[in-house]
Amino acid sequence: MQQTEIQKALTELSNTKDDVYKVAGPVLIKSDVETLKKELTEKVDFISMRVKTLEKGEKRLKDQFEEISQKLSKMN
């Protein structure tokens, strides 16, 4: 969900000629478009890496579950 929101923000940044602001806690800070694009791109990369890590962990758990399930089936 975050990744989609960031992609939408990057699209909007590409289309804007106006001043841009970023949220820092409860405060809006004026920033330039290129800096925000860089920050958002880095955030997307981080999220993508995190998703891949979680997917690998999920696959490993599924494999372990299958292995244990097969062992239990053989015992019965």
N, C-alpha and C. Protein backbone atom coordinates (compact mmCIF):
# COMPACT_ATOMS: atom_id res chain seq x y z
N MET A 1 0.83 -1.19 0.00
CA MET A 1 0.00 0.00 0.00
C MET A 1 0.88 1.25 0.00
N GLN A 2 1.91 1.23 0.84
CA GLN A 2 2.83 2.37 0.89
C GLN A 2 3.51 2.57 -0.46
N GLN A 3 3.87 1.47 -1.07
CA GLN A 3 4.56 1.53 -2.34
C GLN A 3 3.68 2.20 -3.40
N THR A 4 2.41 1.86 -3.41
CA THR A 4 1.46 2.45 -4.36
C THR A 4 1.31 3.95 -4.10
N GLU A 5 1.20 4.32 -2.84
CA GLU A 5 1.08 5.74 -2.50
C GLU A 5 2.31 6.53 -2.92
N ILE A 6 3.47 5.94 -2.71
CA ILE A 6 4.71 6.62 -3.08
C ILE A 6 4.80 6.76 -4.60
N GLN A 7 4.40 5.71 -5.32
CA GLN A 7 4.41 5.78 -6.79
C GLN A 7 3.49 6.91 -7.28
N LYS A 8 2.32 7.04 -6.66
CA LYS A 8 1.40 8.13 -7.02
C LYS A 8 2.03 9.49 -6.72
N ALA A 9 2.71 9.60 -5.59
CA ALA A 9 3.37 10.85 -5.23
C ALA A 9 4.47 11.19 -6.24
N LEU A 10 5.23 10.18 -6.66
CA LEU A 10 6.28 10.40 -7.65
C LEU A 10 5.68 10.88 -8.97
N THR A 11 4.55 10.32 -9.35
CA THR A 11 3.87 10.75 -10.57
C THR A 11 3.44 12.20 -10.46
N GLU A 12 2.87 12.54 -9.32
CA GLU A 12 2.45 13.93 -9.10
C GLU A 12 3.64 14.88 -9.12
N LEU A 13 4.75 14.47 -8.52
CA LEU A 13 5.94 15.31 -8.52
C LEU A 13 6.45 15.56 -9.94
N SER A 14 6.32 14.56 -10.79
CA SER A 14 6.77 14.71 -12.17
C SER A 14 5.91 15.70 -12.94
N ASN A 15 4.67 15.86 -12.51
CA ASN A 15 3.73 16.74 -13.21
C ASN A 15 3.65 18.15 -12.64
N THR A 16 4.33 18.42 -11.55
CA THR A 16 4.15 19.71 -10.88
C THR A 16 5.28 20.69 -11.22
N LYS A 17 4.90 21.92 -11.26
CA LYS A 17 5.87 23.02 -11.44
C LYS A 17 5.85 23.92 -10.20
N ASP A 18 4.91 23.64 -9.29
CA ASP A 18 4.72 24.46 -8.09
C ASP A 18 5.71 24.08 -7.00
N ASP A 19 5.66 24.85 -5.91
CA ASP A 19 6.45 24.51 -4.73
C ASP A 19 5.94 23.20 -4.16
N VAL A 20 6.82 22.43 -3.57
CA VAL A 20 6.43 21.17 -2.96
C VAL A 20 6.86 21.17 -1.50
N TYR A 21 6.13 20.40 -0.71
CA TYR A 21 6.39 20.29 0.72
C TYR A 21 6.40 18.83 1.11
N LYS A 22 7.16 18.53 2.16
CA LYS A 22 7.13 17.17 2.69
C LYS A 22 6.74 17.25 4.16
N VAL A 23 6.18 16.15 4.63
CA VAL A 23 5.71 16.07 6.01
C VAL A 23 6.86 15.59 6.88
N ALA A 24 7.10 16.31 7.95
CA ALA A 24 8.09 15.90 8.95
C ALA A 24 7.39 15.99 10.31
N GLY A 25 6.77 14.88 10.69
CA GLY A 25 5.97 14.90 11.92
C GLY A 25 4.74 15.75 11.68
N PRO A 26 4.46 16.70 12.57
CA PRO A 26 3.28 17.55 12.39
C PRO A 26 3.56 18.80 11.54
N VAL A 27 4.74 18.88 10.92
CA VAL A 27 5.17 20.08 10.21
C VAL A 27 5.36 19.79 8.72
N LEU A 28 5.01 20.76 7.88
CA LEU A 28 5.30 20.69 6.46
C LEU A 28 6.56 21.51 6.19
N ILE A 29 7.49 20.93 5.45
CA ILE A 29 8.75 21.60 5.16
C ILE A 29 8.87 21.76 3.65
N LYS A 30 9.18 22.98 3.22
CA LYS A 30 9.35 23.23 1.79
C LYS A 30 10.60 22.49 1.32
N SER A 31 10.49 21.87 0.14
CA SER A 31 11.59 21.10 -0.40
C SER A 31 11.59 21.25 -1.91
N ASP A 32 12.67 20.80 -2.55
CA ASP A 32 12.68 20.86 -4.00
C ASP A 32 12.27 19.50 -4.56
N VAL A 33 11.77 19.51 -5.77
CA VAL A 33 11.20 18.32 -6.39
C VAL A 33 12.22 17.20 -6.50
N GLU A 34 13.43 17.50 -6.94
CA GLU A 34 14.43 16.45 -7.14
C GLU A 34 14.81 15.76 -5.84
N THR A 35 14.92 16.52 -4.76
CA THR A 35 15.24 15.93 -3.46
C THR A 35 14.12 14.99 -3.02
N LEU A 36 12.88 15.42 -3.18
CA LEU A 36 11.75 14.57 -2.80
C LEU A 36 11.67 13.32 -3.67
N LYS A 37 11.93 13.47 -4.97
CA LYS A 37 11.92 12.30 -5.84
C LYS A 37 12.96 11.28 -5.39
N LYS A 38 14.15 11.78 -5.05
CA LYS A 38 15.22 10.89 -4.60
C LYS A 38 14.82 10.17 -3.31
N GLU A 39 14.28 10.92 -2.35
CA GLU A 39 13.87 10.33 -1.07
C GLU A 39 12.77 9.28 -1.28
N LEU A 40 11.80 9.59 -2.11
CA LEU A 40 10.69 8.67 -2.35
C LEU A 40 11.16 7.43 -3.10
N THR A 41 12.06 7.60 -4.05
CA THR A 41 12.60 6.46 -4.78
C THR A 41 13.37 5.55 -3.84
N GLU A 42 14.15 6.12 -2.94
CA GLU A 42 14.88 5.32 -1.96
C GLU A 42 13.90 4.57 -1.05
N LYS A 43 12.81 5.24 -0.68
CA LYS A 43 11.81 4.60 0.17
C LYS A 43 11.14 3.43 -0.56
N VAL A 44 10.84 3.60 -1.85
CA VAL A 44 10.26 2.51 -2.64
C VAL A 44 11.24 1.34 -2.72
N ASP A 45 12.52 1.64 -2.94
CA ASP A 45 13.53 0.58 -2.99
C ASP A 45 13.59 -0.18 -1.67
N PHE A 46 13.55 0.55 -0.56
CA PHE A 46 13.59 -0.08 0.76
C PHE A 46 12.38 -0.97 0.97
N ILE A 47 11.20 -0.46 0.61
CA ILE A 47 9.98 -1.24 0.78
C ILE A 47 10.02 -2.50 -0.08
N SER A 48 10.51 -2.37 -1.31
CA SER A 48 10.61 -3.53 -2.20
C SER A 48 11.53 -4.58 -1.62
N MET A 49 12.66 -4.13 -1.07
CA MET A 49 13.60 -5.06 -0.45
C MET A 49 12.96 -5.76 0.76
N ARG A 50 12.21 -5.01 1.53
CA ARG A 50 11.54 -5.57 2.71
C ARG A 50 10.49 -6.60 2.30
N VAL A 51 9.73 -6.29 1.24
CA VAL A 51 8.72 -7.23 0.76
C VAL A 51 9.37 -8.52 0.30
N LYS A 52 10.49 -8.42 -0.42
CA LYS A 52 11.19 -9.62 -0.88
C LYS A 52 11.67 -10.46 0.30
N THR A 53 12.17 -9.80 1.33
CA THR A 53 12.63 -10.50 2.53
C THR A 53 11.47 -11.22 3.20
N LEU A 54 10.34 -10.55 3.31
CA LEU A 54 9.16 -11.17 3.92
C LEU A 54 8.65 -12.34 3.09
N GLU A 55 8.68 -12.20 1.77
CA GLU A 55 8.24 -13.29 0.90
C GLU A 55 9.15 -14.52 1.04
N LYS A 56 10.45 -14.29 1.16
CA LYS A 56 11.38 -15.40 1.36
C LYS A 56 11.09 -16.10 2.69
N GLY A 57 10.85 -15.31 3.73
CA GLY A 57 10.53 -15.87 5.04
C GLY A 57 9.24 -16.66 5.00
N GLU A 58 8.25 -16.14 4.29
CA GLU A 58 6.97 -16.83 4.16
C GLU A 58 7.16 -18.16 3.43
N LYS A 59 7.94 -18.16 2.36
CA LYS A 59 8.19 -19.39 1.61
C LYS A 59 8.91 -20.42 2.48
N ARG A 60 9.89 -19.96 3.24
CA ARG A 60 10.63 -20.86 4.12
C ARG A 60 9.69 -21.49 5.15
N LEU A 61 8.78 -20.69 5.72
CA LEU A 61 7.82 -21.21 6.70
C LEU A 61 6.86 -22.21 6.06
N LYS A 62 6.41 -21.90 4.84
CA LYS A 62 5.52 -22.84 4.15
C LYS A 62 6.23 -24.16 3.88
N ASP A 63 7.48 -24.08 3.46
CA ASP A 63 8.26 -25.30 3.21
C ASP A 63 8.42 -26.12 4.49
N GLN A 64 8.71 -25.44 5.60
CA GLN A 64 8.85 -26.14 6.87
C GLN A 64 7.52 -26.77 7.28
N PHE A 65 6.43 -26.07 7.07
CA PHE A 65 5.11 -26.60 7.40
C PHE A 65 4.83 -27.85 6.57
N GLU A 66 5.12 -27.79 5.28
CA GLU A 66 4.90 -28.95 4.41
C GLU A 66 5.73 -30.15 4.87
N GLU A 67 6.98 -29.89 5.23
CA GLU A 67 7.86 -30.96 5.68
C GLU A 67 7.33 -31.60 6.95
N ILE A 68 6.92 -30.80 7.90
CA ILE A 68 6.38 -31.32 9.17
C ILE A 68 5.07 -32.06 8.91
N SER A 69 4.24 -31.49 8.03
CA SER A 69 2.98 -32.13 7.69
C SER A 69 3.21 -33.52 7.08
N GLN A 70 4.17 -33.62 6.20
CA GLN A 70 4.49 -34.91 5.58
C GLN A 70 5.00 -35.91 6.62
N LYS A 71 5.85 -35.46 7.52
CA LYS A 71 6.35 -36.33 8.59
C LYS A 71 5.21 -36.84 9.46
N LEU A 72 4.30 -35.96 9.79
CA LEU A 72 3.15 -36.36 10.62
C LEU A 72 2.26 -37.35 9.88
N SER A 73 2.09 -37.13 8.59
CA SER A 73 1.27 -38.07 7.79
C SER A 73 1.90 -39.44 7.77
N LYS A 74 3.20 -39.52 7.69
CA LYS A 74 3.90 -40.80 7.66
C LYS A 74 3.80 -41.52 9.01
N MET A 75 3.71 -40.75 10.09
CA MET A 75 3.63 -41.34 11.42
C MET A 75 2.26 -41.99 11.65
N ASN A 76 1.25 -41.48 11.01
CA ASN A 76 -0.13 -42.00 11.24
C ASN A 76 -0.37 -43.18 10.42
